[in-house]
C-alpha atoms as a PDB file:
ATOM      1  CA  MET A   1    -192.915 227.114  77.853  1.00  0.00           C
ATOM      2  CA  LEU A   2    -194.908 225.434  75.331  1.00  0.00           C
ATOM      3  CA  ARG A   3    -197.907 224.979  77.759  1.00  0.00           C
ATOM      4  CA  LEU A   4    -197.637 228.584  78.743  1.00  0.00           C
ATOM      5  CA  ALA A   5    -197.685 229.686  75.169  1.00  0.00           C
ATOM      6  CA  GLY A   6    -200.755 227.547  74.520  1.00  0.00           C
ATOM      7  CA  ILE A   7    -202.766 229.059  77.484  1.00  0.00           C
ATOM      8  CA  LEU A   8    -201.808 232.415  76.205  1.00  0.00           C
ATOM      9  CA  TYR A   9    -202.819 231.629  72.515  1.00  0.00           C
ATOM     10  CA  SER A  10    -206.249 231.171  73.712  1.00  0.00           C
ATOM     11  CA  LEU A  11    -206.317 234.605  75.102  1.00  0.00           C
ATOM     12  CA  ILE A  12    -204.357 236.403  72.540  1.00  0.00           C
ATOM     13  CA  ALA A  13    -206.057 234.854  69.596  1.00  0.00           C
ATOM     14  CA  THR A  14    -209.236 235.714  70.699  1.00  0.00           C
ATOM     15  CA  THR A  15    -208.262 239.394  71.343  1.00  0.00           C
ATOM     16  CA  LEU A  16    -206.546 239.822  67.906  1.00  0.00           C
ATOM     17  CA  ALA A  17    -209.164 238.072  65.906  1.00  0.00           C
ATOM     18  CA  GLY A  18    -211.912 240.031  67.595  1.00  0.00           C
ATOM     19  CA  SER A  19    -210.147 243.169  67.088  1.00  0.00           C
ATOM     20  CA  ALA A  20    -209.654 242.454  63.368  1.00  0.00           C
ATOM     21  CA  VAL A  21    -213.180 241.649  62.895  1.00  0.00           C
ATOM     22  CA  ILE A  22    -214.222 244.902  64.561  1.00  0.00           C
ATOM     23  CA  ALA A  23    -211.810 246.779  62.374  1.00  0.00           C
ATOM     24  CA  VAL A  24    -213.240 244.942  59.181  1.00  0.00           C
ATOM     25  CA  LEU A  25    -216.778 245.743  60.407  1.00  0.00           C
ATOM     26  CA  THR A  26    -215.992 249.393  60.930  1.00  0.00           C
ATOM     27  CA  ALA A  27    -214.417 249.601  57.488  1.00  0.00           C
ATOM     28  CA  GLY A  28    -217.877 248.771  56.075  1.00  0.00           C
ATOM     29  CA  TYR A  29    -217.062 245.165  55.061  1.00  0.00           C
ATOM     30  CA  ASP A  30    -219.997 243.416  56.406  1.00  0.00           C
ATOM     31  CA  THR A  31    -220.242 240.194  54.378  1.00  0.00           C
ATOM     32  CA  LEU A  32    -218.995 236.625  55.467  1.00  0.00           C
ATOM     33  CA  VAL A  33    -215.711 236.570  53.637  1.00  0.00           C
ATOM     34  CA  PRO A  34    -213.979 239.565  54.926  1.00  0.00           C
ATOM     35  CA  ILE A  35    -214.987 238.716  58.518  1.00  0.00           C
ATOM     36  CA  LEU A  36    -213.606 235.283  58.186  1.00  0.00           C
ATOM     37  CA  ILE A  37    -210.404 236.510  56.659  1.00  0.00           C
ATOM     38  CA  ALA A  38    -209.991 238.882  59.410  1.00  0.00           C
ATOM     39  CA  ALA A  39    -210.675 236.294  62.013  1.00  0.00           C
ATOM     40  CA  VAL A  40    -208.216 233.937  60.364  1.00  0.00           C
ATOM     41  CA  ILE A  41    -205.481 236.698  60.046  1.00  0.00           C
ATOM     42  CA  GLY A  42    -205.879 237.512  63.693  1.00  0.00           C
ATOM     43  CA  ALA A  43    -205.505 233.894  64.906  1.00  0.00           C
ATOM     44  CA  VAL A  44    -202.607 233.368  62.568  1.00  0.00           C
ATOM     45  CA  VAL A  45    -200.753 236.397  63.951  1.00  0.00           C
ATOM     46  CA  ALA A  46    -201.560 235.257  67.443  1.00  0.00           C
ATOM     47  CA  LEU A  47    -199.167 232.233  67.054  1.00  0.00           C
ATOM     48  CA  PRO A  48    -195.823 234.075  66.915  1.00  0.00           C
ATOM     49  CA  VAL A  49    -197.137 236.816  69.512  1.00  0.00           C
ATOM     50  CA  SER A  50    -198.045 233.979  72.045  1.00  0.00           C
ATOM     51  CA  TYR A  51    -194.888 232.256  71.475  1.00  0.00           C
ATOM     52  CA  PHE A  52    -192.863 235.655  72.045  1.00  0.00           C
ATOM     53  CA  VAL A  53    -195.041 236.731  75.181  1.00  0.00           C
ATOM     54  CA  ALA A  54    -194.428 233.230  76.664  1.00  0.00           C
ATOM     55  CA  ARG A  55    -190.603 233.372  76.082  1.00  0.00           C
ATOM     56  CA  GLU A  56    -190.427 236.877  77.561  1.00  0.00           C
ATOM     57  CA  ILE A  57    -192.452 235.579  80.765  1.00  0.00           C
ATOM     58  CA  THR A  58    -190.309 232.490  81.120  1.00  0.00           C
ATOM     59  CA  GLN A  59    -186.930 234.674  80.699  1.00  0.00           C
ATOM     60  CA  SER A  60    -187.867 236.939  83.337  1.00  0.00           C
END
């Protein structure tokens, strides 16, 4: 399951980090620090999300 979670993380992290960056840019924050914070938050949030998605896939 850990291997599946790692593969899913590469997809989920880019999606969540990209969405967070787009949200920050849409809100008008166009400097480096808010963009980096949003990208890091998206990558960190993707860790448990990918674990739970992998767990659901392997249980079904």
